[in-house]
Amino acid sequence: MRYKVMTILDETDNVILYDPSSINWNDFDFSNGYYKHQVSSAELVKLYLVAYAYYGDVDYEDIILLLNKIEYVWDIVPETELKLPKKDDIDNFILDNIK
């Protein structure tokens, strides 16, 4: 996720590291809707598969956890329902909430 946040925010050739935990994900608003995804037993502890399926990028795995208030990927059980917002909404939220 650190790479994803950095990629979204860095508009120069300089390497700038942003701490993703500095973004208050509790303020994320699902106002533009979201997909519902039930985690299968094959996806347990492989949340990167879900991130890739919806966003075409495994770097959104940690963001999915943060937005669903899941502290550890091991806390997910089969048929856990995840809210997956649109990629543009996540990217815009990161841009709007950097410190």
Protein backbone atom coordinates (compact mmCIF):
# COMPACT_ATOMS: atom_id res chain seq x y z
CA MET A 1 0.00 0.00 0.00
CA ARG A 2 2.85 2.40 0.71
CA TYR A 3 3.87 2.13 -2.95
CA LYS A 4 0.29 2.76 -4.09
CA VAL A 5 -0.09 5.86 -1.92
CA MET A 6 3.30 7.14 -3.06
CA THR A 7 2.43 6.56 -6.72
CA ILE A 8 -0.83 8.46 -6.41
CA LEU A 9 0.75 11.42 -4.63
CA ASP A 10 4.15 11.76 -6.32
CA GLU A 11 3.89 13.94 -9.41
CA THR A 12 7.64 14.46 -9.70
CA ASP A 13 10.62 12.24 -10.33
CA ASN A 14 11.61 12.61 -6.69
CA VAL A 15 10.99 9.75 -4.32
CA ILE A 16 8.58 10.97 -1.68
CA LEU A 17 7.38 8.55 0.99
CA TYR A 18 4.03 9.12 2.61
CA ASP A 19 2.87 7.12 5.57
CA PRO A 20 -0.50 5.58 4.63
CA SER A 21 -1.46 5.34 8.28
CA SER A 22 -1.37 9.16 8.45
CA ILE A 23 -4.56 9.18 6.39
CA ASN A 24 -7.71 8.98 8.50
CA TRP A 25 -9.55 6.20 6.71
CA ASN A 26 -12.46 6.49 9.16
CA ASP A 27 -13.50 9.62 7.24
CA PHE A 28 -13.85 7.70 3.96
CA ASP A 29 -17.34 8.15 2.57
CA PHE A 30 -18.88 5.44 0.40
CA SER A 31 -21.23 8.03 -1.14
CA ASN A 32 -20.40 6.96 -4.72
CA GLY A 33 -21.32 3.39 -3.95
CA TYR A 34 -19.30 0.25 -3.54
CA TYR A 35 -19.16 -3.35 -4.60
CA LYS A 36 -20.02 -6.07 -2.09
CA HIS A 37 -17.69 -9.04 -2.10
CA GLN A 38 -18.00 -12.21 -0.04
CA VAL A 39 -14.60 -13.69 0.68
CA SER A 40 -14.30 -17.30 -0.40
CA SER A 41 -12.21 -19.85 1.46
CA ALA A 42 -9.75 -19.76 -1.46
CA GLU A 43 -9.23 -16.01 -0.87
CA LEU A 44 -8.52 -16.27 2.86
CA VAL A 45 -5.19 -14.62 3.69
CA LYS A 46 -4.87 -13.89 -0.04
CA LEU A 47 -6.76 -10.63 -0.11
CA TYR A 48 -4.44 -9.49 -2.88
CA LEU A 49 -6.56 -11.69 -5.18
CA VAL A 50 -9.62 -9.59 -4.35
CA ALA A 51 -7.66 -6.35 -4.81
CA TYR A 52 -6.43 -7.51 -8.20
CA ALA A 53 -9.88 -8.67 -9.31
CA TYR A 54 -11.54 -5.32 -8.55
CA TYR A 55 -8.69 -2.84 -9.03
CA GLY A 56 -6.24 -4.63 -11.32
CA ASP A 57 -3.60 -3.96 -8.69
CA VAL A 58 -2.56 -5.94 -5.61
CA ASP A 59 -1.41 -2.77 -3.83
CA TYR A 60 -4.99 -2.02 -2.76
CA GLU A 61 -5.03 -5.01 -0.37
CA ASP A 62 -4.18 -2.96 2.72
CA ILE A 63 -6.61 -0.21 1.76
CA ILE A 64 -9.41 -2.79 1.56
CA LEU A 65 -8.52 -3.93 5.08
CA LEU A 66 -8.45 -0.36 6.41
CA LEU A 67 -11.76 0.62 4.80
CA ASN A 68 -13.45 -2.48 6.21
CA LYS A 69 -11.93 -1.94 9.66
CA ILE A 70 -10.13 -5.28 9.58
CA GLU A 71 -6.90 -5.15 11.55
CA TYR A 72 -5.35 -8.40 10.35
CA VAL A 73 -6.00 -10.42 7.21
CA TRP A 74 -6.19 -13.48 9.49
CA ASP A 75 -9.35 -12.02 11.04
CA ILE A 76 -11.26 -12.72 7.82
CA VAL A 77 -13.40 -15.84 7.72
CA PRO A 78 -15.16 -17.35 4.71
CA GLU A 79 -18.19 -15.35 3.58
CA THR A 80 -16.98 -12.15 5.26
CA GLU A 81 -18.61 -9.37 3.28
CA LEU A 82 -16.28 -6.58 2.16
CA LYS A 83 -17.21 -3.13 0.90
CA LEU A 84 -15.06 -2.28 -2.10
CA PRO A 85 -15.33 1.34 -3.27
CA LYS A 86 -14.49 2.48 -6.77
CA LYS A 87 -10.78 2.92 -7.45
CA ASP A 88 -11.16 6.60 -8.35
CA ASP A 89 -12.87 7.27 -5.02
CA ILE A 90 -9.93 5.73 -3.14
CA ASP A 91 -7.34 7.63 -5.18
CA ASN A 92 -9.18 10.94 -4.73
CA PHE A 93 -9.57 10.35 -1.00
CA ILE A 94 -5.84 9.80 -0.66
CA LEU A 95 -5.11 13.02 -2.55
CA ASP A 96 -7.59 14.99 -0.46
CA ASN A 97 -6.34 13.68 2.90
CA ILE A 98 -2.56 13.72 2.85
CA LYS A 99 -0.83 15.41 5.74
